Amino acid sequence: MNSKQIVALLTIIFSCTGFSYTAAADGPVMGDAGAGETKAVLCSGCHGLGGEGKDIASGQLYIPRLAGQLPGYFVKSLNAYRNDERNDAMMRAIAKGLSDSDNANLAAYYQSLK
């Protein structure tokens, strides 16, 4: 089996089990979407129950859409808030309370939403 076939097989397996996989700059992101759904209550107040986000046209501040987000980007973003590389007081406070496992689980959950 070559590497492309292995990645394809793992993608199928993870899709069927609720796990998410993506090759990120700092390695693969694997998480449990079910566990992420439970943790997503922290995000839903601002980003919406379905991760739909909010835009300026609605009269609210712009809050990014999380639904359908690529797991590698999602985790990289949370890590940037946790490491004070992104500047948003609310996001930094939340991200600092999340473990690497929490980040991966949230990434898997939000990727599963469309």
C-alpha atoms as a PDB file:
ATOM      1  CA  MET A   1       0.000   0.000   0.000  1.00  0.00           C
ATOM      2  CA  ASN A   2       1.412   3.412  -0.885  1.00  0.00           C
ATOM      3  CA  SER A   3       1.039   6.531   1.267  1.00  0.00           C
ATOM      4  CA  LYS A   4      -1.888   7.933  -0.757  1.00  0.00           C
ATOM      5  CA  GLN A   5      -3.817   4.699  -0.306  1.00  0.00           C
ATOM      6  CA  ILE A   6      -3.087   4.691   3.429  1.00  0.00           C
ATOM      7  CA  VAL A   7      -4.318   8.278   3.805  1.00  0.00           C
ATOM      8  CA  ALA A   8      -7.463   7.427   1.815  1.00  0.00           C
ATOM      9  CA  LEU A   9      -8.123   4.377   3.982  1.00  0.00           C
ATOM     10  CA  LEU A  10      -7.592   6.350   7.206  1.00  0.00           C
ATOM     11  CA  THR A  11      -9.914   9.088   5.951  1.00  0.00           C
ATOM     12  CA  ILE A  12     -12.659   6.516   5.364  1.00  0.00           C
ATOM     13  CA  ILE A  13     -12.108   4.903   8.761  1.00  0.00           C
ATOM     14  CA  PHE A  14     -12.115   8.233  10.608  1.00  0.00           C
ATOM     15  CA  SER A  15     -15.210   9.405   8.715  1.00  0.00           C
ATOM     16  CA  CYS A  16     -17.108   6.303   9.781  1.00  0.00           C
ATOM     17  CA  THR A  17     -16.049   6.549  13.421  1.00  0.00           C
ATOM     18  CA  GLY A  18     -16.607  10.271  13.996  1.00  0.00           C
ATOM     19  CA  PHE A  19     -12.916  11.078  14.112  1.00  0.00           C
ATOM     20  CA  SER A  20     -11.294  13.775  12.023  1.00  0.00           C
ATOM     21  CA  TYR A  21      -7.858  13.725  10.406  1.00  0.00           C
ATOM     22  CA  THR A  22      -5.974  16.332   8.516  1.00  0.00           C
ATOM     23  CA  ALA A  23      -2.294  16.885   7.891  1.00  0.00           C
ATOM     24  CA  ALA A  24      -1.424  20.167   9.559  1.00  0.00           C
ATOM     25  CA  ALA A  25       1.869  22.014   9.535  1.00  0.00           C
ATOM     26  CA  ASP A  26       2.630  20.636  12.987  1.00  0.00           C
ATOM     27  CA  GLY A  27       1.316  17.116  12.379  1.00  0.00           C
ATOM     28  CA  PRO A  28      -2.035  15.354  12.092  1.00  0.00           C
ATOM     29  CA  VAL A  29      -5.117  16.488  13.974  1.00  0.00           C
ATOM     30  CA  MET A  30      -7.252  13.655  15.261  1.00  0.00           C
ATOM     31  CA  GLY A  31     -10.238  14.224  17.462  1.00  0.00           C
ATOM     32  CA  ASP A  32     -13.556  12.846  18.611  1.00  0.00           C
ATOM     33  CA  ALA A  33     -16.461  14.859  17.187  1.00  0.00           C
ATOM     34  CA  GLY A  34     -18.803  13.629  19.940  1.00  0.00           C
ATOM     35  CA  ALA A  35     -16.514  14.902  22.681  1.00  0.00           C
ATOM     36  CA  GLY A  36     -16.092  18.132  20.721  1.00  0.00           C
ATOM     37  CA  GLU A  37     -19.856  18.625  20.567  1.00  0.00           C
ATOM     38  CA  THR A  38     -20.009  18.478  24.365  1.00  0.00           C
ATOM     39  CA  LYS A  39     -17.173  21.009  24.721  1.00  0.00           C
ATOM     40  CA  ALA A  40     -18.655  23.299  22.014  1.00  0.00           C
ATOM     41  CA  VAL A  41     -21.063  24.800  24.544  1.00  0.00           C
ATOM     42  CA  LEU A  42     -18.145  27.129  25.369  1.00  0.00           C
ATOM     43  CA  CYS A  43     -18.159  28.407  21.775  1.00  0.00           C
ATOM     44  CA  SER A  44     -21.876  28.550  21.038  1.00  0.00           C
ATOM     45  CA  GLY A  45     -22.602  31.788  22.901  1.00  0.00           C
ATOM     46  CA  CYS A  46     -20.602  33.800  20.376  1.00  0.00           C
ATOM     47  CA  HIS A  47     -20.189  31.523  17.349  1.00  0.00           C
ATOM     48  CA  GLY A  48     -23.781  30.201  17.384  1.00  0.00           C
ATOM     49  CA  LEU A  49     -25.283  26.808  18.212  1.00  0.00           C
ATOM     50  CA  GLY A  50     -24.297  25.446  14.800  1.00  0.00           C
ATOM     51  CA  GLY A  51     -21.010  27.317  14.541  1.00  0.00           C
ATOM     52  CA  GLU A  52     -22.579  29.633  11.956  1.00  0.00           C
ATOM     53  CA  GLY A  53     -20.868  32.779  13.271  1.00  0.00           C
ATOM     54  CA  LYS A  54     -22.261  36.307  13.031  1.00  0.00           C
ATOM     55  CA  ASP A  55     -21.597  39.086  10.569  1.00  0.00           C
ATOM     56  CA  ILE A  56     -21.689  42.856  10.581  1.00  0.00           C
ATOM     57  CA  ALA A  57     -24.873  42.929   8.487  1.00  0.00           C
ATOM     58  CA  SER A  58     -26.771  41.384  11.414  1.00  0.00           C
ATOM     59  CA  GLY A  59     -25.856  44.355  13.594  1.00  0.00           C
ATOM     60  CA  GLN A  60     -23.450  42.264  15.670  1.00  0.00           C
ATOM     61  CA  LEU A  61     -19.677  42.256  15.688  1.00  0.00           C
ATOM     62  CA  TYR A  62     -18.147  39.913  13.144  1.00  0.00           C
ATOM     63  CA  ILE A  63     -17.652  36.484  14.702  1.00  0.00           C
ATOM     64  CA  PRO A  64     -16.118  33.825  12.427  1.00  0.00           C
ATOM     65  CA  ARG A  65     -17.968  30.770  11.173  1.00  0.00           C
ATOM     66  CA  LEU A  66     -16.607  27.571  12.721  1.00  0.00           C
ATOM     67  CA  ALA A  67     -18.840  25.075  10.912  1.00  0.00           C
ATOM     68  CA  GLY A  68     -16.959  23.252   8.172  1.00  0.00           C
ATOM     69  CA  GLN A  69     -13.601  24.666   9.254  1.00  0.00           C
ATOM     70  CA  LEU A  70     -10.507  22.619   8.403  1.00  0.00           C
ATOM     71  CA  PRO A  71      -9.210  20.933  11.574  1.00  0.00           C
ATOM     72  CA  GLY A  72      -5.556  21.916  11.051  1.00  0.00           C
ATOM     73  CA  TYR A  73      -6.443  25.595  10.699  1.00  0.00           C
ATOM     74  CA  PHE A  74      -8.890  25.398  13.617  1.00  0.00           C
ATOM     75  CA  VAL A  75      -6.294  23.935  15.992  1.00  0.00           C
ATOM     76  CA  LYS A  76      -3.583  26.311  14.764  1.00  0.00           C
ATOM     77  CA  SER A  77      -5.906  29.252  15.474  1.00  0.00           C
ATOM     78  CA  LEU A  78      -6.765  28.081  18.990  1.00  0.00           C
ATOM     79  CA  ASN A  79      -3.080  27.522  19.725  1.00  0.00           C
ATOM     80  CA  ALA A  80      -2.284  31.040  18.494  1.00  0.00           C
ATOM     81  CA  TYR A  81      -4.812  32.476  20.980  1.00  0.00           C
ATOM     82  CA  ARG A  82      -3.482  30.251  23.768  1.00  0.00           C
ATOM     83  CA  ASN A  83       0.107  31.349  23.036  1.00  0.00           C
ATOM     84  CA  ASP A  84      -0.829  35.061  22.848  1.00  0.00           C
ATOM     85  CA  GLU A  85      -0.032  35.184  19.112  1.00  0.00           C
ATOM     86  CA  ARG A  86      -3.573  36.384  18.329  1.00  0.00           C
ATOM     87  CA  ASN A  87      -5.138  39.289  20.141  1.00  0.00           C
ATOM     88  CA  ASP A  88      -8.678  38.776  21.429  1.00  0.00           C
ATOM     89  CA  ALA A  89      -9.193  38.767  25.196  1.00  0.00           C
ATOM     90  CA  MET A  90     -12.226  36.444  25.164  1.00  0.00           C
ATOM     91  CA  MET A  91     -10.655  33.915  22.796  1.00  0.00           C
ATOM     92  CA  ARG A  92      -7.356  33.937  24.692  1.00  0.00           C
ATOM     93  CA  ALA A  93      -9.151  33.247  27.975  1.00  0.00           C
ATOM     94  CA  ILE A  94     -11.118  30.366  26.479  1.00  0.00           C
ATOM     95  CA  ALA A  95      -8.180  28.895  24.529  1.00  0.00           C
ATOM     96  CA  LYS A  96      -5.927  28.897  27.598  1.00  0.00           C
ATOM     97  CA  GLY A  97      -8.474  26.631  29.323  1.00  0.00           C
ATOM     98  CA  LEU A  98      -8.514  24.061  26.502  1.00  0.00           C
ATOM     99  CA  SER A  99      -6.191  21.071  26.294  1.00  0.00           C
ATOM    100  CA  ASP A 100      -4.670  19.825  23.038  1.00  0.00           C
ATOM    101  CA  SER A 101      -7.239  17.027  23.140  1.00  0.00           C
ATOM    102  CA  ASP A 102     -10.075  19.536  23.577  1.00  0.00           C
ATOM    103  CA  ASN A 103      -8.788  21.480  20.561  1.00  0.00           C
ATOM    104  CA  ALA A 104      -8.668  18.357  18.391  1.00  0.00           C
ATOM    105  CA  ASN A 105     -12.153  17.297  19.512  1.00  0.00           C
ATOM    106  CA  LEU A 106     -13.598  20.740  18.799  1.00  0.00           C
ATOM    107  CA  ALA A 107     -11.892  20.740  15.405  1.00  0.00           C
ATOM    108  CA  ALA A 108     -13.438  17.363  14.559  1.00  0.00           C
ATOM    109  CA  TYR A 109     -16.880  18.535  15.670  1.00  0.00           C
ATOM    110  CA  TYR A 110     -16.860  21.796  13.755  1.00  0.00           C
ATOM    111  CA  GLN A 111     -15.481  20.145  10.626  1.00  0.00           C
ATOM    112  CA  SER A 112     -18.475  17.781  10.718  1.00  0.00           C
ATOM    113  CA  LEU A 113     -20.931  20.703  10.562  1.00  0.00           C
ATOM    114  CA  LYS A 114     -21.802  22.221   7.196  1.00  0.00           C
END
